[in-house]
Amino acid sequence: MAEQQAPLNGAYYGPAVPPPTKHYHRPGRGGGCGGCCCLFTLLIKIIVSAVLILGLAALIVWLIFRPINKVKFHVTDASLTEFNLTSNNNLNYKLALNITIRNPNKKIGVHYDRIEARVYYDDKRLTSVPLTPFYQGHKNTSYLNPVFEGQQILLGGALRDYNKENNAGVFSIDVKLKLKVRFKLGKIKTPKFKPTIECDLKVPLNSSNGRFAGRRFETTKCDVDF
């Protein structure tokens, strides 16, 4: 007959349950962000946000203060007293221009912080002339009088075009104004803009021998590109 098991004193809970394993996080491992990495990411976000905010602010200011009527540029007179080649294809030139700038706006003034006039012949720049900065008030007309003088070698297509136009006595000369401007309304000014003014001119040669006497320069409107 089987031996009977003695009764247990107290409750029986079975075998002991091992304690939960503790997991320790080691800095610099896994998917966590290190201090330098987080700082760099935050810095990039701040820079990007600042650029977007400044760009949006500049756009809003420009939309508010942009001229209702565009400023107009005209070349009203051009005097080409010298435009001839030497025996070694060196072009001697002297060109004087009268340029008018009309601001038709009643409440908006214009600061011309930088003005540089450049002259081109057959897409080749001959020279550039810096002009004095100025402020233009409301409904005002201002005048520029750049003079371009110097020498430049002509080769290839430019030389062929010169010989062709020299027979006619009228030369295709391009003038560009490189500007830095700010618009002003009351005491508030916009950021600086850098428009380019392009004037495509047909200029007769004012020869001393009177070969092309009677030819007159026609006032030319310039294109404004912001």
C-alpha atoms as a PDB file:
ATOM      1  CA  MET A   1       0.000   0.000   0.000  1.00  0.00           C
ATOM      2  CA  ALA A   2       1.406   3.353  -1.058  1.00  0.00           C
ATOM      3  CA  GLU A   3       2.728   5.658   1.579  1.00  0.00           C
ATOM      4  CA  GLN A   4       0.578   8.696   2.119  1.00  0.00           C
ATOM      5  CA  GLN A   5       2.217  12.164   1.751  1.00  0.00           C
ATOM      6  CA  ALA A   6       2.204  14.246   4.840  1.00  0.00           C
ATOM      7  CA  PRO A   7      -0.040  17.304   4.664  1.00  0.00           C
ATOM      8  CA  LEU A   8       1.667  20.605   3.846  1.00  0.00           C
ATOM      9  CA  ASN A   9       1.795  23.366   6.366  1.00  0.00           C
ATOM     10  CA  GLY A  10       0.790  26.680   4.745  1.00  0.00           C
ATOM     11  CA  ALA A  11       0.124  27.477   1.091  1.00  0.00           C
ATOM     12  CA  TYR A  12       2.204  26.078  -1.697  1.00  0.00           C
ATOM     13  CA  TYR A  13       3.267  28.498  -4.359  1.00  0.00           C
ATOM     14  CA  GLY A  14       5.318  26.382  -6.676  1.00  0.00           C
ATOM     15  CA  PRO A  15       8.900  27.064  -7.748  1.00  0.00           C
ATOM     16  CA  ALA A  16      10.356  30.561  -7.254  1.00  0.00           C
ATOM     17  CA  VAL A  17       9.912  33.003 -10.181  1.00  0.00           C
ATOM     18  CA  PRO A  18      13.193  34.626 -11.206  1.00  0.00           C
ATOM     19  CA  PRO A  19      13.300  38.453 -10.960  1.00  0.00           C
ATOM     20  CA  PRO A  20      12.805  40.435 -14.240  1.00  0.00           C
ATOM     21  CA  THR A  21      15.912  41.150 -16.196  1.00  0.00           C
ATOM     22  CA  LYS A  22      16.969  44.820 -16.083  1.00  0.00           C
ATOM     23  CA  HIS A  23      17.966  46.460 -19.341  1.00  0.00           C
ATOM     24  CA  TYR A  24      20.530  49.218 -19.207  1.00  0.00           C
ATOM     25  CA  HIS A  25      20.736  51.914 -21.956  1.00  0.00           C
ATOM     26  CA  ARG A  26      24.224  52.708 -23.094  1.00  0.00           C
ATOM     27  CA  PRO A  27      24.597  56.269 -24.447  1.00  0.00           C
ATOM     28  CA  GLY A  28      25.699  56.519 -28.064  1.00  0.00           C
ATOM     29  CA  ARG A  29      24.220  53.187 -29.166  1.00  0.00           C
ATOM     30  CA  GLY A  30      20.986  52.285 -30.838  1.00  0.00           C
ATOM     31  CA  GLY A  31      18.560  54.790 -32.403  1.00  0.00           C
ATOM     32  CA  GLY A  32      18.930  57.527 -29.791  1.00  0.00           C
ATOM     33  CA  CYS A  33      20.170  61.013 -30.728  1.00  0.00           C
ATOM     34  CA  GLY A  34      23.456  62.106 -29.218  1.00  0.00           C
ATOM     35  CA  GLY A  35      23.876  65.566 -27.782  1.00  0.00           C
ATOM     36  CA  CYS A  36      25.935  66.932 -30.707  1.00  0.00           C
ATOM     37  CA  CYS A  37      23.636  65.370 -33.288  1.00  0.00           C
ATOM     38  CA  CYS A  38      20.494  66.831 -31.706  1.00  0.00           C
ATOM     39  CA  LEU A  39      22.110  70.245 -31.387  1.00  0.00           C
ATOM     40  CA  PHE A  40      23.153  70.229 -35.060  1.00  0.00           C
ATOM     41  CA  THR A  41      19.653  69.168 -36.184  1.00  0.00           C
ATOM     42  CA  LEU A  42      18.077  71.911 -34.071  1.00  0.00           C
ATOM     43  CA  LEU A  43      20.474  74.482 -35.514  1.00  0.00           C
ATOM     44  CA  ILE A  44      19.605  73.444 -39.085  1.00  0.00           C
ATOM     45  CA  LYS A  45      15.879  73.736 -38.328  1.00  0.00           C
ATOM     46  CA  ILE A  46      16.365  77.211 -36.858  1.00  0.00           C
ATOM     47  CA  ILE A  47      18.361  78.383 -39.899  1.00  0.00           C
ATOM     48  CA  VAL A  48      15.825  76.999 -42.380  1.00  0.00           C
ATOM     49  CA  SER A  49      12.935  78.572 -40.461  1.00  0.00           C
ATOM     50  CA  ALA A  50      14.709  81.931 -40.307  1.00  0.00           C
ATOM     51  CA  VAL A  51      15.391  81.886 -44.067  1.00  0.00           C
ATOM     52  CA  LEU A  52      11.754  81.050 -44.835  1.00  0.00           C
ATOM     53  CA  ILE A  53      10.477  83.779 -42.517  1.00  0.00           C
ATOM     54  CA  LEU A  54      12.820  86.409 -43.968  1.00  0.00           C
ATOM     55  CA  GLY A  55      11.930  85.390 -47.525  1.00  0.00           C
ATOM     56  CA  LEU A  56       8.217  85.602 -46.756  1.00  0.00           C
ATOM     57  CA  ALA A  57       8.672  88.976 -45.067  1.00  0.00           C
ATOM     58  CA  ALA A  58      10.601  90.331 -48.067  1.00  0.00           C
ATOM     59  CA  LEU A  59       7.861  89.112 -50.411  1.00  0.00           C
ATOM     60  CA  ILE A  60       5.141  90.747 -48.330  1.00  0.00           C
ATOM     61  CA  VAL A  61       7.058  94.036 -48.149  1.00  0.00           C
ATOM     62  CA  TRP A  62       7.629  93.973 -51.908  1.00  0.00           C
ATOM     63  CA  LEU A  63       3.951  93.284 -52.609  1.00  0.00           C
ATOM     64  CA  ILE A  64       2.990  96.202 -50.362  1.00  0.00           C
ATOM     65  CA  PHE A  65       5.520  98.738 -51.585  1.00  0.00           C
ATOM     66  CA  ARG A  66       6.017  97.768 -55.228  1.00  0.00           C
ATOM     67  CA  PRO A  67       5.424 100.728 -57.502  1.00  0.00           C
ATOM     68  CA  ILE A  68       1.892 100.999 -58.809  1.00  0.00           C
ATOM     69  CA  ASN A  69       3.411 102.492 -61.943  1.00  0.00           C
ATOM     70  CA  LYS A  70       6.779 101.216 -63.119  1.00  0.00           C
ATOM     71  CA  VAL A  71       9.745 103.538 -63.178  1.00  0.00           C
ATOM     72  CA  LYS A  72      10.527 104.363 -66.813  1.00  0.00           C
ATOM     73  CA  PHE A  73      13.950 104.676 -68.446  1.00  0.00           C
ATOM     74  CA  HIS A  74      14.600 106.360 -71.806  1.00  0.00           C
ATOM     75  CA  VAL A  75      17.735 107.257 -73.735  1.00  0.00           C
ATOM     76  CA  THR A  76      16.789 110.649 -75.137  1.00  0.00           C
ATOM     77  CA  ASP A  77      20.055 111.460 -76.898  1.00  0.00           C
ATOM     78  CA  ALA A  78      23.236 109.658 -77.973  1.00  0.00           C
ATOM     79  CA  SER A  79      26.343 111.305 -79.419  1.00  0.00           C
ATOM     80  CA  LEU A  80      28.838 108.932 -81.059  1.00  0.00           C
ATOM     81  CA  THR A  81      31.760 111.161 -81.978  1.00  0.00           C
ATOM     82  CA  GLU A  82      34.304 108.375 -82.456  1.00  0.00           C
ATOM     83  CA  PHE A  83      33.840 104.783 -83.565  1.00  0.00           C
ATOM     84  CA  ASN A  84      36.635 103.741 -85.887  1.00  0.00           C
ATOM     85  CA  LEU A  85      39.149 100.946 -86.355  1.00  0.00           C
ATOM     86  CA  THR A  86      42.901 101.205 -86.493  1.00  0.00           C
ATOM     87  CA  SER A  87      45.069  99.059 -88.764  1.00  0.00           C
ATOM     88  CA  ASN A  88      45.338  96.340 -86.087  1.00  0.00           C
ATOM     89  CA  ASN A  89      41.520  96.106 -85.599  1.00  0.00           C
ATOM     90  CA  ASN A  90      41.571  98.204 -82.448  1.00  0.00           C
ATOM     91  CA  LEU A  91      38.253 100.054 -82.016  1.00  0.00           C
ATOM     92  CA  ASN A  92      38.473 103.630 -80.727  1.00  0.00           C
ATOM     93  CA  TYR A  93      35.142 104.836 -79.372  1.00  0.00           C
ATOM     94  CA  LYS A  94      33.550 107.772 -77.582  1.00  0.00           C
ATOM     95  CA  LEU A  95      29.864 107.727 -76.760  1.00  0.00           C
ATOM     96  CA  ALA A  96      27.889 110.223 -74.638  1.00  0.00           C
ATOM     97  CA  LEU A  97      24.314 109.498 -73.532  1.00  0.00           C
ATOM     98  CA  ASN A  98      21.420 111.395 -71.998  1.00  0.00           C
ATOM     99  CA  ILE A  99      19.217 109.042 -69.947  1.00  0.00           C
ATOM    100  CA  THR A 100      15.981 110.052 -68.225  1.00  0.00           C
ATOM    101  CA  ILE A 101      14.465 108.182 -65.288  1.00  0.00           C
ATOM    102  CA  ARG A 102      10.815 108.929 -64.567  1.00  0.00           C
ATOM    103  CA  ASN A 103       9.177 107.955 -61.253  1.00  0.00           C
ATOM    104  CA  PRO A 104       5.429 108.427 -61.851  1.00  0.00           C
ATOM    105  CA  ASN A 105       4.320 107.319 -58.367  1.00  0.00           C
ATOM    106  CA  LYS A 106       2.699 109.780 -55.977  1.00  0.00           C
ATOM    107  CA  LYS A 107       3.751 108.177 -52.690  1.00  0.00           C
ATOM    108  CA  ILE A 108       6.783 106.045 -53.466  1.00  0.00           C
ATOM    109  CA  GLY A 109      10.355 107.312 -53.706  1.00  0.00           C
ATOM    110  CA  VAL A 110      13.372 105.402 -54.982  1.00  0.00           C
ATOM    111  CA  HIS A 111      16.865 105.142 -53.504  1.00  0.00           C
ATOM    112  CA  TYR A 112      19.431 104.316 -56.196  1.00  0.00           C
ATOM    113  CA  ASP A 113      22.198 102.964 -53.977  1.00  0.00           C
ATOM    114  CA  ARG A 114      24.358 101.703 -56.847  1.00  0.00           C
ATOM    115  CA  ILE A 115      24.376 102.587 -60.551  1.00  0.00           C
ATOM    116  CA  GLU A 116      26.768 101.141 -63.082  1.00  0.00           C
ATOM    117  CA  ALA A 117      26.398 101.874 -66.795  1.00  0.00           C
ATOM    118  CA  ARG A 118      27.856  99.336 -69.241  1.00  0.00           C
ATOM    119  CA  VAL A 119      28.195  99.617 -73.002  1.00  0.00           C
ATOM    120  CA  TYR A 120      28.326  96.656 -75.410  1.00  0.00           C
ATOM    121  CA  TYR A 121      29.006  96.223 -79.084  1.00  0.00           C
ATOM    122  CA  ASP A 122      28.116  92.919 -80.733  1.00  0.00           C
ATOM    123  CA  ASP A 123      27.650  91.348 -77.258  1.00  0.00           C
ATOM    124  CA  LYS A 124      31.192  92.368 -76.288  1.00  0.00           C
ATOM    125  CA  ARG A 125      31.471  94.721 -73.334  1.00  0.00           C
ATOM    126  CA  LEU A 126      33.532  97.757 -74.138  1.00  0.00           C
ATOM    127  CA  THR A 127      33.646  99.454 -70.752  1.00  0.00           C
ATOM    128  CA  SER A 128      31.620 100.363 -67.658  1.00  0.00           C
ATOM    129  CA  VAL A 129      31.113 103.659 -65.834  1.00  0.00           C
ATOM    130  CA  PRO A 130      30.018 104.055 -62.170  1.00  0.00           C
ATOM    131  CA  LEU A 131      27.490 106.815 -61.597  1.00  0.00           C
ATOM    132  CA  THR A 132      26.677 108.786 -58.454  1.00  0.00           C
ATOM    133  CA  PRO A 133      23.941 107.260 -56.239  1.00  0.00           C
ATOM    134  CA  PHE A 134      20.906 109.451 -55.527  1.00  0.00           C
ATOM    135  CA  TYR A 135      17.370 109.538 -54.184  1.00  0.00           C
ATOM    136  CA  GLN A 136      14.439 110.145 -56.526  1.00  0.00           C
ATOM    137  CA  GLY A 137      11.298 111.670 -55.077  1.00  0.00           C
ATOM    138  CA  HIS A 138       7.640 111.251 -55.984  1.00  0.00           C
ATOM    139  CA  LYS A 139       6.556 112.078 -59.550  1.00  0.00           C
ATOM    140  CA  ASN A 140      10.085 113.127 -60.396  1.00  0.00           C
ATOM    141  CA  THR A 141      12.329 112.918 -63.457  1.00  0.00           C
ATOM    142  CA  SER A 142      16.077 112.412 -63.004  1.00  0.00           C
ATOM    143  CA  TYR A 143      18.869 112.564 -65.572  1.00  0.00           C
ATOM    144  CA  LEU A 144      22.018 110.514 -66.133  1.00  0.00           C
ATOM    145  CA  ASN A 145      24.820 111.532 -68.474  1.00  0.00           C
ATOM    146  CA  PRO A 146      27.353 108.697 -68.797  1.00  0.00           C
ATOM    147  CA  VAL A 147      30.291 109.034 -71.198  1.00  0.00           C
ATOM    148  CA  PHE A 148      32.053 105.932 -72.515  1.00  0.00           C
ATOM    149  CA  GLU A 149      35.514 106.284 -74.004  1.00  0.00           C
ATOM    150  CA  GLY A 150      38.343 103.866 -74.735  1.00  0.00           C
ATOM    151  CA  GLN A 151      39.672 101.142 -76.999  1.00  0.00           C
ATOM    152  CA  GLN A 152      38.747  97.533 -77.681  1.00  0.00           C
ATOM    153  CA  ILE A 153      39.965  94.912 -80.159  1.00  0.00           C
ATOM    154  CA  LEU A 154      37.326  93.525 -82.537  1.00  0.00           C
ATOM    155  CA  LEU A 155      37.638  90.015 -83.931  1.00  0.00           C
ATOM    156  CA  GLY A 156      35.561  87.535 -85.928  1.00  0.00           C
ATOM    157  CA  GLY A 157      31.847  88.304 -86.168  1.00  0.00           C
ATOM    158  CA  ALA A 158      32.190  91.632 -84.360  1.00  0.00           C
ATOM    159  CA  LEU A 159      34.654  92.794 -86.998  1.00  0.00           C
ATOM    160  CA  ARG A 160      32.332  91.754 -89.843  1.00  0.00           C
ATOM    161  CA  ASP A 161      29.365  93.504 -88.218  1.00  0.00           C
ATOM    162  CA  TYR A 162      31.413  96.655 -87.744  1.00  0.00           C
ATOM    163  CA  ASN A 163      32.422  96.800 -91.417  1.00  0.00           C
ATOM    164  CA  LYS A 164      28.793  96.332 -92.457  1.00  0.00           C
ATOM    165  CA  GLU A 165      27.408  98.993 -90.127  1.00  0.00           C
ATOM    166  CA  ASN A 166      30.239 101.379 -90.862  1.00  0.00           C
ATOM    167  CA  ASN A 167      29.059 101.598 -94.460  1.00  0.00           C
ATOM    168  CA  ALA A 168      25.612 102.640 -93.252  1.00  0.00           C
ATOM    169  CA  GLY A 169      26.928 104.985 -90.576  1.00  0.00           C
ATOM    170  CA  VAL A 170      24.589 103.618 -87.849  1.00  0.00           C
ATOM    171  CA  PHE A 171      25.806 101.226 -85.147  1.00  0.00           C
ATOM    172  CA  SER A 172      23.882  98.791 -82.950  1.00  0.00           C
ATOM    173  CA  ILE A 173      25.089  99.578 -79.434  1.00  0.00           C
ATOM    174  CA  ASP A 174      23.628  98.134 -76.248  1.00  0.00           C
ATOM    175  CA  VAL A 175      23.690  99.913 -72.906  1.00  0.00           C
ATOM    176  CA  LYS A 176      22.850  98.267 -69.588  1.00  0.00           C
ATOM    177  CA  LEU A 177      22.330  99.845 -66.185  1.00  0.00           C
ATOM    178  CA  LYS A 178      23.074  97.579 -63.213  1.00  0.00           C
ATOM    179  CA  LEU A 179      21.237  98.927 -60.178  1.00  0.00           C
ATOM    180  CA  LYS A 180      20.710  98.408 -56.478  1.00  0.00           C
ATOM    181  CA  VAL A 181      17.493 100.147 -55.470  1.00  0.00           C
ATOM    182  CA  ARG A 182      15.189 100.492 -52.471  1.00  0.00           C
ATOM    183  CA  PHE A 183      11.627 101.782 -52.583  1.00  0.00           C
ATOM    184  CA  LYS A 184      10.456 104.143 -49.856  1.00  0.00           C
ATOM    185  CA  LEU A 185       6.972 104.856 -48.529  1.00  0.00           C
ATOM    186  CA  GLY A 186       7.027 107.355 -45.689  1.00  0.00           C
ATOM    187  CA  LYS A 187       9.744 106.171 -43.297  1.00  0.00           C
ATOM    188  CA  ILE A 188       9.560 102.549 -44.386  1.00  0.00           C
ATOM    189  CA  LYS A 189      11.992 101.148 -46.971  1.00  0.00           C
ATOM    190  CA  THR A 190      12.017  97.851 -48.815  1.00  0.00           C
ATOM    191  CA  PRO A 191      15.029  95.526 -48.978  1.00  0.00           C
ATOM    192  CA  LYS A 192      17.423  96.110 -51.886  1.00  0.00           C
ATOM    193  CA  PHE A 193      16.511  94.912 -55.356  1.00  0.00           C
ATOM    194  CA  LYS A 194      18.897  94.481 -58.285  1.00  0.00           C
ATOM    195  CA  PRO A 195      17.093  95.283 -61.538  1.00  0.00           C
ATOM    196  CA  THR A 196      18.864  95.450 -64.895  1.00  0.00           C
ATOM    197  CA  ILE A 197      17.945  98.134 -67.409  1.00  0.00           C
ATOM    198  CA  GLU A 198      18.617  97.234 -71.060  1.00  0.00           C
ATOM    199  CA  CYS A 199      18.673  99.805 -73.860  1.00  0.00           C
ATOM    200  CA  ASP A 200      19.107  98.596 -77.456  1.00  0.00           C
ATOM    201  CA  LEU A 201      20.300 101.626 -79.399  1.00  0.00           C
ATOM    202  CA  LYS A 202      20.795 102.510 -83.033  1.00  0.00           C
ATOM    203  CA  VAL A 203      23.372 105.275 -82.892  1.00  0.00           C
ATOM    204  CA  PRO A 204      24.466 107.301 -85.945  1.00  0.00           C
ATOM    205  CA  LEU A 205      28.105 108.332 -86.173  1.00  0.00           C
ATOM    206  CA  ASN A 206      28.637 112.072 -85.836  1.00  0.00           C
ATOM    207  CA  SER A 207      31.529 112.206 -88.299  1.00  0.00           C
ATOM    208  CA  SER A 208      33.545 115.366 -88.639  1.00  0.00           C
ATOM    209  CA  ASN A 209      33.574 115.162 -92.429  1.00  0.00           C
ATOM    210  CA  GLY A 210      29.790 115.287 -92.640  1.00  0.00           C
ATOM    211  CA  ARG A 211      29.505 111.931 -94.465  1.00  0.00           C
ATOM    212  CA  PHE A 212      26.387 111.044 -92.483  1.00  0.00           C
ATOM    213  CA  ALA A 213      25.084 114.556 -91.878  1.00  0.00           C
ATOM    214  CA  GLY A 214      21.363 114.770 -91.218  1.00  0.00           C
ATOM    215  CA  ARG A 215      21.041 111.474 -89.320  1.00  0.00           C
ATOM    216  CA  ARG A 216      19.445 111.879 -85.894  1.00  0.00           C
ATOM    217  CA  PHE A 217      19.240 109.605 -82.898  1.00  0.00           C
ATOM    218  CA  GLU A 218      15.692 108.599 -81.968  1.00  0.00           C
ATOM    219  CA  THR A 219      14.615 108.446 -78.331  1.00  0.00           C
ATOM    220  CA  THR A 220      14.649 104.814 -77.186  1.00  0.00           C
ATOM    221  CA  LYS A 221      12.687 103.229 -74.364  1.00  0.00           C
ATOM    222  CA  CYS A 222      14.645 100.789 -72.193  1.00  0.00           C
ATOM    223  CA  ASP A 223      13.463  97.451 -70.810  1.00  0.00           C
ATOM    224  CA  VAL A 224      13.316  96.997 -67.038  1.00  0.00           C
ATOM    225  CA  ASP A 225      14.055  93.504 -65.709  1.00  0.00           C
ATOM    226  CA  PHE A 226      13.696  92.720 -61.995  1.00  0.00           C
END
